Amino acid sequence: MNEAKSVPPAAVAVSIRVGGVGDAAAVAALHAESWAVAYDGIVPAAALGAGLLGEREALWEIRLGVDYGEPANTPRLLVAESAPGRLVGFAYLVPQPDGRLLLDNLHVRPGLTGAGIGGELLREARAWAGAEHSGAALYLEVLRENHRAVAFYERAGGVRTDERWAVFPGGFELPEYEYTWA
């Protein structure tokens, strides 16, 4: 059987800015779209179904509407735009009680993965982490079967520091890796 080779899209020039509550709907829509594509065949189909967008909308309204108090505890949303108002990716960083920073989300619009957007977001996330949380390790969790993401994080210098089971709403569990950048 011949498999079609996917051709990566041409590099996409983006500007990255700090996001806020006004970005909640666009981020939720991209988050749901990204999950539906990246996790198809990995996550149970029911978790990617009709309720996914509403779940992501509620999540981002809460995340971006909360006052976290001190700036050191406040998460950072970075949005990548190919033109003003044209969201093509985002990253969300969350300071953790153990002193590390969790890169809780890094998503690129399906069809544009491989165009350099994820790398730009990761570089910006690492720069912010170094400037605002000097000495804190940046880490993320990625599903083991998300081979494209695993390869991306390894190419970007992430070091696998743990393996565990991720527990999802709905009660299912999937194996995941942790990657860390010092």
N, C-alpha and C. Protein backbone atom coordinates (compact mmCIF):
# COMPACT_ATOMS: atom_id res chain seq x y z
N MET A 1 0.84 -1.18 0.00
CA MET A 1 0.00 0.00 0.00
C MET A 1 0.88 1.23 0.00
N ASN A 2 0.65 2.17 -0.90
CA ASN A 2 1.40 3.42 -0.93
C ASN A 2 0.74 4.43 -0.03
N GLU A 3 1.55 5.02 0.82
CA GLU A 3 1.03 6.08 1.69
C GLU A 3 1.42 7.41 1.08
N ALA A 4 0.48 8.31 1.03
CA ALA A 4 0.77 9.65 0.53
C ALA A 4 1.68 10.36 1.52
N LYS A 5 2.71 10.97 0.99
CA LYS A 5 3.59 11.73 1.86
C LYS A 5 3.01 13.12 2.04
N SER A 6 2.96 13.55 3.30
CA SER A 6 2.44 14.89 3.53
C SER A 6 3.57 15.88 3.32
N VAL A 7 3.23 16.92 2.63
CA VAL A 7 4.18 17.99 2.36
C VAL A 7 3.96 19.08 3.39
N PRO A 8 5.01 19.44 4.15
CA PRO A 8 4.79 20.49 5.14
C PRO A 8 4.45 21.81 4.46
N PRO A 9 3.61 22.59 5.10
CA PRO A 9 3.28 23.88 4.51
C PRO A 9 4.49 24.80 4.52
N ALA A 10 4.45 25.80 3.67
CA ALA A 10 5.51 26.80 3.66
C ALA A 10 5.51 27.53 5.00
N ALA A 11 6.65 28.06 5.35
CA ALA A 11 6.75 28.81 6.60
C ALA A 11 5.71 29.94 6.60
N VAL A 12 5.14 30.14 7.76
CA VAL A 12 4.13 31.17 7.94
C VAL A 12 4.69 32.23 8.88
N ALA A 13 4.72 33.47 8.43
CA ALA A 13 5.17 34.56 9.28
C ALA A 13 4.07 34.88 10.28
N VAL A 14 4.45 34.96 11.54
CA VAL A 14 3.47 35.25 12.59
C VAL A 14 3.99 36.35 13.49
N SER A 15 3.05 36.98 14.14
CA SER A 15 3.39 37.86 15.25
C SER A 15 2.82 37.18 16.49
N ILE A 16 3.56 37.28 17.58
CA ILE A 16 3.12 36.66 18.83
C ILE A 16 2.89 37.77 19.83
N ARG A 17 1.74 37.70 20.48
CA ARG A 17 1.39 38.70 21.48
C ARG A 17 0.82 37.98 22.70
N VAL A 18 0.73 38.72 23.80
CA VAL A 18 0.10 38.21 25.00
C VAL A 18 -1.40 38.25 24.79
N GLY A 19 -2.04 37.14 25.06
CA GLY A 19 -3.49 37.05 24.90
C GLY A 19 -4.21 37.41 26.17
N GLY A 20 -5.52 37.55 26.04
CA GLY A 20 -6.35 37.90 27.19
C GLY A 20 -7.76 37.38 27.01
N VAL A 21 -8.64 37.85 27.86
CA VAL A 21 -10.01 37.38 27.90
C VAL A 21 -10.71 37.54 26.56
N GLY A 22 -10.37 38.54 25.79
CA GLY A 22 -10.98 38.75 24.48
C GLY A 22 -10.62 37.67 23.46
N ASP A 23 -9.63 36.87 23.78
CA ASP A 23 -9.21 35.79 22.88
C ASP A 23 -9.85 34.45 23.22
N ALA A 24 -10.67 34.39 24.26
CA ALA A 24 -11.20 33.12 24.75
C ALA A 24 -11.92 32.33 23.67
N ALA A 25 -12.81 32.94 22.93
CA ALA A 25 -13.60 32.20 21.93
C ALA A 25 -12.71 31.66 20.81
N ALA A 26 -11.79 32.47 20.31
CA ALA A 26 -10.92 32.03 19.21
C ALA A 26 -9.96 30.94 19.69
N VAL A 27 -9.44 31.07 20.90
CA VAL A 27 -8.54 30.05 21.45
C VAL A 27 -9.30 28.75 21.66
N ALA A 28 -10.52 28.83 22.20
CA ALA A 28 -11.33 27.62 22.42
C ALA A 28 -11.62 26.91 21.10
N ALA A 29 -11.95 27.67 20.08
CA ALA A 29 -12.26 27.06 18.78
C ALA A 29 -11.03 26.36 18.20
N LEU A 30 -9.87 27.02 18.27
CA LEU A 30 -8.64 26.41 17.76
C LEU A 30 -8.26 25.19 18.61
N HIS A 31 -8.43 25.30 19.92
CA HIS A 31 -8.11 24.19 20.83
C HIS A 31 -8.95 22.96 20.46
N ALA A 32 -10.26 23.15 20.28
CA ALA A 32 -11.14 22.03 19.93
C ALA A 32 -10.77 21.45 18.56
N GLU A 33 -10.50 22.32 17.59
CA GLU A 33 -10.12 21.85 16.24
C GLU A 33 -8.82 21.06 16.29
N SER A 34 -7.85 21.56 17.04
CA SER A 34 -6.56 20.89 17.16
C SER A 34 -6.72 19.52 17.82
N TRP A 35 -7.48 19.45 18.90
CA TRP A 35 -7.72 18.16 19.57
C TRP A 35 -8.36 17.18 18.62
N ALA A 36 -9.39 17.63 17.89
CA ALA A 36 -10.13 16.74 17.00
C ALA A 36 -9.22 16.12 15.95
N VAL A 37 -8.25 16.88 15.47
CA VAL A 37 -7.34 16.38 14.44
C VAL A 37 -6.19 15.57 15.07
N ALA A 38 -5.50 16.16 16.04
CA ALA A 38 -4.30 15.53 16.61
C ALA A 38 -4.61 14.27 17.40
N TYR A 39 -5.77 14.21 18.04
CA TYR A 39 -6.08 13.09 18.92
C TYR A 39 -7.02 12.07 18.30
N ASP A 40 -7.38 12.27 17.04
CA ASP A 40 -8.23 11.30 16.35
C ASP A 40 -7.51 9.95 16.31
N GLY A 41 -8.17 8.93 16.82
CA GLY A 41 -7.56 7.60 16.86
C GLY A 41 -6.73 7.36 18.11
N ILE A 42 -6.52 8.39 18.92
CA ILE A 42 -5.75 8.26 20.17
C ILE A 42 -6.69 8.35 21.36
N VAL A 43 -7.54 9.36 21.34
CA VAL A 43 -8.49 9.63 22.41
C VAL A 43 -9.83 9.03 22.00
N PRO A 44 -10.61 8.48 22.92
CA PRO A 44 -11.92 7.94 22.55
C PRO A 44 -12.74 8.97 21.77
N ALA A 45 -13.40 8.50 20.73
CA ALA A 45 -14.16 9.39 19.84
C ALA A 45 -15.19 10.22 20.60
N ALA A 46 -15.78 9.68 21.64
CA ALA A 46 -16.79 10.41 22.40
C ALA A 46 -16.21 11.68 23.03
N ALA A 47 -14.93 11.66 23.38
CA ALA A 47 -14.29 12.83 23.98
C ALA A 47 -14.01 13.92 22.96
N LEU A 48 -14.06 13.58 21.69
CA LEU A 48 -13.80 14.54 20.62
C LEU A 48 -15.08 14.94 19.89
N GLY A 49 -16.20 14.54 20.45
CA GLY A 49 -17.48 14.75 19.77
C GLY A 49 -18.08 16.12 19.96
N ALA A 50 -19.40 16.15 19.88
CA ALA A 50 -20.17 17.39 19.84
C ALA A 50 -19.93 18.31 21.03
N GLY A 51 -19.63 17.77 22.20
CA GLY A 51 -19.45 18.62 23.37
C GLY A 51 -18.08 19.25 23.51
N LEU A 52 -17.15 18.89 22.65
CA LEU A 52 -15.78 19.36 22.80
C LEU A 52 -15.66 20.87 22.73
N LEU A 53 -16.28 21.50 21.76
CA LEU A 53 -16.16 22.96 21.63
C LEU A 53 -16.73 23.65 22.86
N GLY A 54 -17.89 23.25 23.33
CA GLY A 54 -18.48 23.87 24.51
C GLY A 54 -17.61 23.70 25.74
N GLU A 55 -17.00 22.52 25.87
CA GLU A 55 -16.08 22.27 26.99
C GLU A 55 -14.87 23.20 26.92
N ARG A 56 -14.30 23.34 25.73
CA ARG A 56 -13.14 24.23 25.56
C ARG A 56 -13.53 25.70 25.79
N GLU A 57 -14.73 26.10 25.35
CA GLU A 57 -15.18 27.48 25.59
C GLU A 57 -15.30 27.77 27.08
N ALA A 58 -15.89 26.84 27.83
CA ALA A 58 -16.01 27.02 29.28
C ALA A 58 -14.64 27.08 29.94
N LEU A 59 -13.74 26.20 29.51
CA LEU A 59 -12.39 26.18 30.07
C LEU A 59 -11.68 27.51 29.87
N TRP A 60 -11.71 28.04 28.65
CA TRP A 60 -10.96 29.27 28.36
C TRP A 60 -11.62 30.51 28.96
N GLU A 61 -12.92 30.51 29.10
CA GLU A 61 -13.58 31.62 29.80
C GLU A 61 -13.13 31.66 31.25
N ILE A 62 -13.03 30.51 31.87
CA ILE A 62 -12.57 30.44 33.26
C ILE A 62 -11.10 30.83 33.34
N ARG A 63 -10.26 30.17 32.54
CA ARG A 63 -8.82 30.44 32.61
C ARG A 63 -8.48 31.91 32.41
N LEU A 64 -9.12 32.53 31.45
CA LEU A 64 -8.76 33.90 31.11
C LEU A 64 -9.54 34.94 31.91
N GLY A 65 -10.53 34.50 32.68
CA GLY A 65 -11.32 35.43 33.47
C GLY A 65 -10.95 35.48 34.94
N VAL A 66 -10.03 34.63 35.36
CA VAL A 66 -9.65 34.53 36.77
C VAL A 66 -8.57 35.55 37.11
N ASP A 67 -8.69 36.14 38.30
CA ASP A 67 -7.62 36.99 38.83
C ASP A 67 -6.75 36.09 39.70
N TYR A 68 -5.52 35.87 39.28
CA TYR A 68 -4.63 34.96 39.98
C TYR A 68 -3.87 35.63 41.11
N GLY A 69 -4.11 36.91 41.35
CA GLY A 69 -3.43 37.60 42.43
C GLY A 69 -2.08 38.10 41.98
N GLU A 70 -1.06 37.57 42.57
CA GLU A 70 0.30 38.02 42.29
C GLU A 70 0.73 37.66 40.88
N PRO A 71 1.47 38.56 40.22
CA PRO A 71 1.95 38.25 38.85
C PRO A 71 2.75 36.96 38.76
N ALA A 72 3.47 36.60 39.80
CA ALA A 72 4.27 35.37 39.76
C ALA A 72 3.39 34.12 39.64
N ASN A 73 2.12 34.22 40.04
CA ASN A 73 1.21 33.08 39.97
C ASN A 73 0.33 33.10 38.72
N THR A 74 0.42 34.16 37.93
CA THR A 74 -0.49 34.35 36.81
C THR A 74 -0.02 33.61 35.57
N PRO A 75 -0.88 32.76 35.01
CA PRO A 75 -0.53 32.10 33.76
C PRO A 75 -0.35 33.11 32.63
N ARG A 76 0.28 32.67 31.55
CA ARG A 76 0.53 33.54 30.40
C ARG A 76 0.00 32.84 29.15
N LEU A 77 -0.86 33.53 28.43
CA LEU A 77 -1.35 33.06 27.14
C LEU A 77 -0.60 33.81 26.05
N LEU A 78 0.02 33.07 25.16
CA LEU A 78 0.67 33.64 23.99
C LEU A 78 -0.13 33.23 22.77
N VAL A 79 -0.48 34.19 21.92
CA VAL A 79 -1.22 33.87 20.71
C VAL A 79 -0.38 34.25 19.50
N ALA A 80 -0.41 33.38 18.51
CA ALA A 80 0.29 33.62 17.24
C ALA A 80 -0.76 33.98 16.21
N GLU A 81 -0.52 35.07 15.51
CA GLU A 81 -1.43 35.52 14.46
C GLU A 81 -0.67 35.68 13.16
N SER A 82 -1.29 35.25 12.06
CA SER A 82 -0.69 35.44 10.74
C SER A 82 -1.09 36.78 10.16
N ALA A 83 -2.12 37.36 10.71
CA ALA A 83 -2.61 38.70 10.39
C ALA A 83 -3.42 39.13 11.61
N PRO A 84 -3.62 40.41 11.81
CA PRO A 84 -4.42 40.82 12.98
C PRO A 84 -5.77 40.10 13.01
N GLY A 85 -6.03 39.45 14.13
CA GLY A 85 -7.28 38.73 14.29
C GLY A 85 -7.32 37.34 13.68
N ARG A 86 -6.25 36.90 13.05
CA ARG A 86 -6.19 35.57 12.42
C ARG A 86 -5.32 34.66 13.28
N LEU A 87 -5.95 34.04 14.29
CA LEU A 87 -5.25 33.18 15.23
C LEU A 87 -4.82 31.90 14.53
N VAL A 88 -3.51 31.59 14.59
CA VAL A 88 -2.99 30.38 13.96
C VAL A 88 -2.30 29.46 14.98
N GLY A 89 -2.20 29.89 16.23
CA GLY A 89 -1.60 29.06 17.25
C GLY A 89 -1.64 29.75 18.59
N PHE A 90 -1.43 28.97 19.65
CA PHE A 90 -1.34 29.56 20.98
C PHE A 90 -0.56 28.64 21.90
N ALA A 91 -0.06 29.24 22.96
CA ALA A 91 0.63 28.51 24.03
C ALA A 91 0.13 29.09 25.35
N TYR A 92 0.02 28.22 26.35
CA TYR A 92 -0.48 28.65 27.66
C TYR A 92 0.46 28.10 28.72
N LEU A 93 1.05 28.99 29.50
CA LEU A 93 2.03 28.62 30.52
C LEU A 93 1.46 28.87 31.91
N VAL A 94 1.67 27.91 32.82
CA VAL A 94 1.09 27.99 34.14
C VAL A 94 2.18 27.76 35.20
N PRO A 95 2.46 28.78 36.04
CA PRO A 95 3.40 28.57 37.15
C PRO A 95 2.86 27.49 38.09
N GLN A 96 3.74 26.60 38.52
CA GLN A 96 3.34 25.48 39.38
C GLN A 96 3.86 25.67 40.80
N PRO A 97 3.19 25.09 41.78
CA PRO A 97 3.63 25.21 43.18
C PRO A 97 5.05 24.70 43.42
N ASP A 98 5.52 23.75 42.57
CA ASP A 98 6.87 23.21 42.76
C ASP A 98 7.95 24.10 42.16
N GLY A 99 7.58 25.27 41.63
CA GLY A 99 8.55 26.21 41.08
C GLY A 99 8.78 26.05 39.59
N ARG A 100 8.24 25.00 38.99
CA ARG A 100 8.38 24.82 37.55
C ARG A 100 7.26 25.55 36.82
N LEU A 101 7.39 25.63 35.50
CA LEU A 101 6.35 26.20 34.64
C LEU A 101 5.81 25.12 33.73
N LEU A 102 4.50 24.94 33.75
CA LEU A 102 3.85 23.96 32.89
C LEU A 102 3.43 24.65 31.60
N LEU A 103 3.93 24.14 30.48
CA LEU A 103 3.43 24.55 29.18
C LEU A 103 2.21 23.67 28.94
N ASP A 104 1.06 24.17 29.40
CA ASP A 104 -0.15 23.36 29.45
C ASP A 104 -0.77 23.16 28.09
N ASN A 105 -0.56 24.08 27.20
CA ASN A 105 -1.09 23.95 25.85
C ASN A 105 -0.12 24.57 24.86
N LEU A 106 0.07 23.90 23.75
CA LEU A 106 0.77 24.45 22.58
C LEU A 106 0.06 23.85 21.37
N HIS A 107 -0.70 24.69 20.69
CA HIS A 107 -1.51 24.21 19.57
C HIS A 107 -1.31 25.11 18.36
N VAL A 108 -1.28 24.49 17.21
CA VAL A 108 -1.18 25.18 15.92
C VAL A 108 -2.37 24.75 15.08
N ARG A 109 -2.92 25.68 14.34
CA ARG A 109 -4.08 25.38 13.51
C ARG A 109 -3.78 24.20 12.58
N PRO A 110 -4.65 23.19 12.60
CA PRO A 110 -4.46 22.05 11.68
C PRO A 110 -4.30 22.56 10.24
N GLY A 111 -3.38 21.93 9.54
CA GLY A 111 -3.05 22.36 8.18
C GLY A 111 -1.85 23.28 8.15
N LEU A 112 -1.51 23.86 9.31
CA LEU A 112 -0.34 24.75 9.39
C LEU A 112 0.77 24.16 10.24
N THR A 113 0.55 22.96 10.80
CA THR A 113 1.63 22.33 11.56
C THR A 113 2.79 22.07 10.60
N GLY A 114 3.97 22.30 11.07
CA GLY A 114 5.16 22.15 10.23
C GLY A 114 5.57 23.44 9.55
N ALA A 115 4.84 24.52 9.80
CA ALA A 115 5.13 25.81 9.15
C ALA A 115 5.96 26.74 10.05
N GLY A 116 6.45 26.23 11.19
CA GLY A 116 7.30 27.02 12.06
C GLY A 116 6.57 27.75 13.18
N ILE A 117 5.26 27.68 13.20
CA ILE A 117 4.48 28.41 14.20
C ILE A 117 4.71 27.83 15.59
N GLY A 118 4.68 26.51 15.72
CA GLY A 118 4.92 25.88 17.01
C GLY A 118 6.30 26.20 17.56
N GLY A 119 7.30 26.21 16.68
CA GLY A 119 8.65 26.56 17.10
C GLY A 119 8.74 27.99 17.60
N GLU A 120 8.05 28.90 16.92
CA GLU A 120 8.04 30.30 17.36
C GLU A 120 7.36 30.42 18.72
N LEU A 121 6.24 29.74 18.90
CA LEU A 121 5.55 29.79 20.18
C LEU A 121 6.41 29.20 21.29
N LEU A 122 7.07 28.08 21.02
CA LEU A 122 7.92 27.46 22.03
C LEU A 122 9.09 28.37 22.38
N ARG A 123 9.71 29.00 21.38
CA ARG A 123 10.82 29.94 21.66
C ARG A 123 10.34 31.11 22.52
N GLU A 124 9.18 31.64 22.18
CA GLU A 124 8.64 32.77 22.96
C GLU A 124 8.29 32.33 24.38
N ALA A 125 7.73 31.13 24.52
CA ALA A 125 7.40 30.61 25.85
C ALA A 125 8.67 30.45 26.69
N ARG A 126 9.71 29.92 26.09
CA ARG A 126 10.97 29.74 26.82
C ARG A 126 11.60 31.08 27.17
N ALA A 127 11.50 32.05 26.27
CA ALA A 127 12.04 33.39 26.55
C ALA A 127 11.29 34.03 27.72
N TRP A 128 9.97 33.93 27.71
CA TRP A 128 9.18 34.50 28.80
C TRP A 128 9.52 33.79 30.11
N ALA A 129 9.62 32.47 30.06
CA ALA A 129 9.95 31.71 31.27
C ALA A 129 11.29 32.16 31.84
N GLY A 130 12.28 32.33 30.96
CA GLY A 130 13.60 32.75 31.43
C GLY A 130 13.60 34.16 32.00
N ALA A 131 12.83 35.05 31.41
CA ALA A 131 12.79 36.44 31.86
C ALA A 131 11.96 36.62 33.14
N GLU A 132 10.83 35.93 33.21
CA GLU A 132 9.90 36.14 34.33
C GLU A 132 10.04 35.11 35.45
N HIS A 133 10.63 33.98 35.16
CA HIS A 133 10.76 32.90 36.14
C HIS A 133 12.16 32.30 36.03
N SER A 134 13.15 33.13 36.17
CA SER A 134 14.54 32.73 35.99
C SER A 134 14.86 31.49 36.83
N GLY A 135 15.46 30.52 36.17
CA GLY A 135 15.86 29.29 36.85
C GLY A 135 14.78 28.24 36.93
N ALA A 136 13.55 28.59 36.57
CA ALA A 136 12.46 27.61 36.63
C ALA A 136 12.51 26.72 35.39
N ALA A 137 12.34 25.44 35.60
CA ALA A 137 12.28 24.52 34.46
C ALA A 137 10.91 24.65 33.80
N LEU A 138 10.91 24.58 32.48
CA LEU A 138 9.69 24.57 31.70
C LEU A 138 9.42 23.12 31.30
N TYR A 139 8.20 22.65 31.53
CA TYR A 139 7.89 21.27 31.16
C TYR A 139 6.49 21.20 30.55
N LEU A 140 6.23 20.08 29.91
CA LEU A 140 4.91 19.83 29.34
C LEU A 140 4.63 18.35 29.39
N GLU A 141 3.37 18.02 29.19
CA GLU A 141 2.92 16.63 29.13
C GLU A 141 2.33 16.41 27.75
N VAL A 142 2.66 15.28 27.12
CA VAL A 142 2.19 14.97 25.78
C VAL A 142 1.80 13.50 25.73
N LEU A 143 0.69 13.22 25.08
CA LEU A 143 0.27 11.83 24.96
C LEU A 143 1.32 11.03 24.19
N ARG A 144 1.64 9.88 24.71
CA ARG A 144 2.68 9.04 24.11
C ARG A 144 2.39 8.72 22.65
N GLU A 145 1.13 8.52 22.31
CA GLU A 145 0.77 8.16 20.94
C GLU A 145 0.68 9.36 19.99
N ASN A 146 0.88 10.56 20.49
CA ASN A 146 0.89 11.75 19.64
C ASN A 146 2.31 11.88 19.07
N HIS A 147 2.63 10.99 18.15
CA HIS A 147 4.00 10.85 17.65
C HIS A 147 4.54 12.14 17.03
N ARG A 148 3.70 12.86 16.32
CA ARG A 148 4.16 14.11 15.69
C ARG A 148 4.61 15.12 16.75
N ALA A 149 3.81 15.26 17.82
CA ALA A 149 4.17 16.20 18.88
C ALA A 149 5.42 15.73 19.63
N VAL A 150 5.49 14.43 19.92
CA VAL A 150 6.67 13.90 20.61
C VAL A 150 7.92 14.20 19.79
N ALA A 151 7.88 13.97 18.49
CA ALA A 151 9.05 14.24 17.64
C ALA A 151 9.39 15.73 17.64
N PHE A 152 8.38 16.58 17.60
CA PHE A 152 8.61 18.04 17.63
C PHE A 152 9.32 18.44 18.91
N TYR A 153 8.84 17.96 20.06
CA TYR A 153 9.45 18.36 21.33
C TYR A 153 10.87 17.82 21.46
N GLU A 154 11.12 16.64 20.93
CA GLU A 154 12.48 16.10 20.98
C GLU A 154 13.41 16.90 20.06
N ARG A 155 12.94 17.27 18.87
CA ARG A 155 13.76 18.11 17.97
C ARG A 155 14.03 19.47 18.60
N ALA A 156 13.10 19.94 19.43
CA ALA A 156 13.25 21.26 20.06
C ALA A 156 14.08 21.20 21.33
N GLY A 157 14.68 20.06 21.63
CA GLY A 157 15.58 19.96 22.77
C GLY A 157 14.94 19.55 24.07
N GLY A 158 13.66 19.18 24.05
CA GLY A 158 13.02 18.69 25.27
C GLY A 158 13.62 17.37 25.69
N VAL A 159 13.77 17.18 26.98
CA VAL A 159 14.32 15.94 27.54
C VAL A 159 13.18 15.22 28.23
N ARG A 160 12.97 13.96 27.87
CA ARG A 160 11.92 13.18 28.52
C ARG A 160 12.31 12.95 29.96
N THR A 161 11.48 13.42 30.89
CA THR A 161 11.80 13.34 32.31
C THR A 161 10.83 12.48 33.11
N ASP A 162 9.75 12.03 32.47
CA ASP A 162 8.83 11.17 33.20
C ASP A 162 7.88 10.49 32.22
N GLU A 163 7.28 9.41 32.68
CA GLU A 163 6.21 8.71 31.96
C GLU A 163 5.13 8.40 33.00
N ARG A 164 3.88 8.60 32.61
CA ARG A 164 2.78 8.33 33.53
C ARG A 164 1.50 8.15 32.74
N TRP A 165 0.39 8.02 33.46
CA TRP A 165 -0.92 7.92 32.85
C TRP A 165 -1.66 9.22 33.05
N ALA A 166 -2.19 9.78 31.98
CA ALA A 166 -3.01 10.98 32.05
C ALA A 166 -4.45 10.53 32.28
N VAL A 167 -5.12 11.16 33.23
CA VAL A 167 -6.51 10.86 33.52
C VAL A 167 -7.36 11.99 32.96
N PHE A 168 -8.32 11.64 32.12
CA PHE A 168 -9.16 12.62 31.44
C PHE A 168 -10.55 12.66 32.04
N PRO A 169 -11.23 13.83 31.91
CA PRO A 169 -12.64 13.84 32.30
C PRO A 169 -13.37 12.76 31.50
N GLY A 170 -14.24 12.07 32.13
CA GLY A 170 -14.92 10.96 31.47
C GLY A 170 -14.34 9.63 31.91
N GLY A 171 -13.21 9.69 32.65
CA GLY A 171 -12.68 8.49 33.27
C GLY A 171 -11.71 7.65 32.48
N PHE A 172 -11.33 8.08 31.27
CA PHE A 172 -10.36 7.26 30.55
C PHE A 172 -8.94 7.73 30.86
N GLU A 173 -8.00 6.82 30.70
CA GLU A 173 -6.58 7.09 30.96
C GLU A 173 -5.76 6.73 29.74
N LEU A 174 -4.73 7.56 29.48
CA LEU A 174 -3.83 7.31 28.36
C LEU A 174 -2.40 7.56 28.80
N PRO A 175 -1.44 6.81 28.26
CA PRO A 175 -0.04 7.03 28.63
C PRO A 175 0.48 8.35 28.07
N GLU A 176 1.26 9.03 28.89
CA GLU A 176 1.84 10.29 28.46
C GLU A 176 3.30 10.39 28.89
N TYR A 177 4.01 11.27 28.21
CA TYR A 177 5.39 11.60 28.56
C TYR A 177 5.43 13.02 29.09
N GLU A 178 6.46 13.28 29.91
CA GLU A 178 6.77 14.62 30.34
C GLU A 178 8.10 15.00 29.67
N TYR A 179 8.15 16.20 29.08
CA TYR A 179 9.38 16.74 28.51
C TYR A 179 9.72 18.03 29.25
N THR A 180 11.02 18.24 29.49
CA THR A 180 11.48 19.38 30.27
C THR A 180 12.61 20.10 29.54
N TRP A 181 12.60 21.43 29.67
CA TRP A 181 13.69 22.29 29.23
C TRP A 181 14.19 22.99 30.47
N ALA A 182 15.50 22.93 30.72
CA ALA A 182 16.07 23.56 31.90
C ALA A 182 16.03 25.07 31.75
